[in-house]
Protein backbone atom coordinates (compact mmCIF):
# COMPACT_ATOMS: atom_id res chain seq x y z
CA MET A 1 0.17 0.30 0.04
CA SER A 2 1.31 3.29 -0.79
CA GLU A 3 2.35 5.98 1.82
CA SER A 4 -0.70 8.63 0.12
CA SER A 5 -3.25 5.26 0.65
CA LEU A 6 -2.09 5.23 4.13
CA ARG A 7 -2.47 8.78 4.97
CA SER A 8 -5.83 9.01 3.68
CA TYR A 9 -6.66 6.36 5.89
CA VAL A 10 -5.54 7.64 9.22
CA SER A 11 -7.86 10.30 9.59
CA PRO A 12 -11.13 8.35 9.19
CA LEU A 13 -9.65 5.68 11.59
CA ARG A 14 -8.48 8.19 14.24
CA THR A 15 -11.99 9.57 14.24
CA LEU A 16 -13.61 6.27 14.05
CA PHE A 17 -11.33 4.97 17.01
CA LYS A 18 -12.15 8.07 19.49
CA ARG A 19 -16.03 7.32 18.77
CA VAL A 20 -15.59 3.95 19.67
CA GLU A 21 -13.20 4.32 22.46
CA GLY A 22 -14.08 7.84 23.80
CA PRO A 23 -11.17 10.81 23.76
CA ALA A 24 -8.12 9.88 24.44
CA ILE A 25 -6.61 8.91 27.76
CA GLU A 26 -3.20 10.26 28.77
CA GLY A 27 -1.17 7.15 27.64
CA LYS A 28 -3.57 5.30 26.19
CA GLU A 29 -2.59 4.71 22.20
CA GLU A 30 -4.50 3.94 19.58
CA ASP A 31 -4.78 -0.01 18.78
CA ILE A 32 -5.62 -0.85 15.23
CA LYS A 33 -6.49 -4.06 16.79
CA LEU A 34 -9.88 -2.88 18.11
CA PHE A 35 -10.94 -2.54 14.30
CA GLU A 36 -10.51 -6.34 14.23
CA LYS A 37 -11.85 -7.61 17.70
CA ASP A 38 -14.85 -4.92 17.86
CA CYS A 39 -16.17 -5.17 14.11
CA SER A 40 -20.10 -4.75 15.59
CA LYS A 41 -18.80 -1.65 17.44
CA CYS A 42 -17.08 0.27 14.82
CA MET A 43 -20.30 -0.72 12.38
CA GLU A 44 -22.62 0.73 15.20
CA ALA A 45 -20.44 3.91 15.46
CA ILE A 46 -20.88 4.86 11.89
CA LYS A 47 -23.93 3.37 11.19
CA ASP A 48 -25.64 7.15 10.86
CA VAL A 49 -22.97 8.48 8.90
CA PRO A 50 -24.10 9.26 5.31
CA ALA A 51 -23.23 6.76 2.89
CA ASN A 52 -21.18 8.74 0.73
CA LYS A 53 -18.84 9.08 4.14
CA ARG A 54 -19.29 5.87 5.52
CA ARG A 55 -17.85 4.14 2.32
CA SER A 56 -14.39 5.84 2.64
CA LYS A 57 -14.25 4.62 6.33
CA TYR A 58 -15.27 1.11 5.37
CA ALA A 59 -12.61 1.57 2.73
CA ALA A 60 -10.25 2.54 5.64
CA LEU A 61 -11.34 -0.04 7.89
CA TYR A 62 -11.06 -2.71 5.19
CA ALA A 63 -7.52 -1.65 4.72
CA VAL A 64 -6.30 -2.68 7.84
CA ALA A 65 -8.85 -5.17 9.18
CA PRO A 66 -10.01 -7.17 5.96
CA ILE A 67 -13.19 -8.74 7.43
CA GLN A 68 -15.82 -9.44 5.15
CA ALA A 69 -18.70 -7.45 6.94
CA TYR A 70 -16.56 -4.09 6.31
CA LYS A 71 -16.52 -5.07 2.76
CA ASP A 72 -20.10 -6.09 2.14
CA ASP A 73 -21.07 -2.65 3.60
CA PHE A 74 -18.72 -1.00 1.65
CA GLU A 75 -20.22 -2.29 -1.84
CA GLY A 76 -23.83 -1.91 -0.38
CA ASP A 77 -23.19 1.79 0.37
CA THR A 78 -21.50 1.88 -3.21
CA LYS A 79 -24.86 0.66 -4.66
CA LEU A 80 -26.55 3.47 -2.58
CA TYR A 81 -24.35 5.91 -3.28
CA HIS A 82 -24.53 5.33 -7.04
CA THR A 83 -28.26 5.18 -6.93
CA GLU A 84 -28.78 8.30 -5.11
CA LEU A 85 -26.48 10.01 -7.61
CA ASN A 86 -28.49 8.62 -10.55
CA LYS A 87 -31.54 10.23 -8.93
CA MET A 88 -29.93 13.61 -8.36
CA GLU A 89 -32.33 16.18 -10.64
CA LYS A 90 -32.09 19.83 -10.93
CA THR A 91 -33.78 22.38 -9.26
CA LYS A 92 -36.14 24.80 -10.84
CA ASP A 93 -33.83 27.31 -10.53
CA GLN A 94 -31.26 25.03 -11.88
CA ARG A 95 -33.18 24.01 -14.84
CA ASP A 96 -34.19 27.37 -15.57
CA ASN A 97 -30.32 28.91 -15.55
CA TRP A 98 -29.24 25.50 -17.60
């Protein structure tokens, strides 16, 4: 995995870690194993995030913890995202100005 890919995954993973484990406690290190051992907790923590943002979180999760549930939800969110994109319609003002 390239360094730029790793950098793009750090932020969503750090945010998710804090969401699952709470604010950092002094001396407590972020442990990547959380994403493997607490899969359901991680998925629960992001269930209310919009699909377009949730997809990037699942991609990051799957990169560090290749669990099928992460991949399945990523693929489901991708389909949902594309469905929503295809449904987008211009507003009346956009149609008038187009």
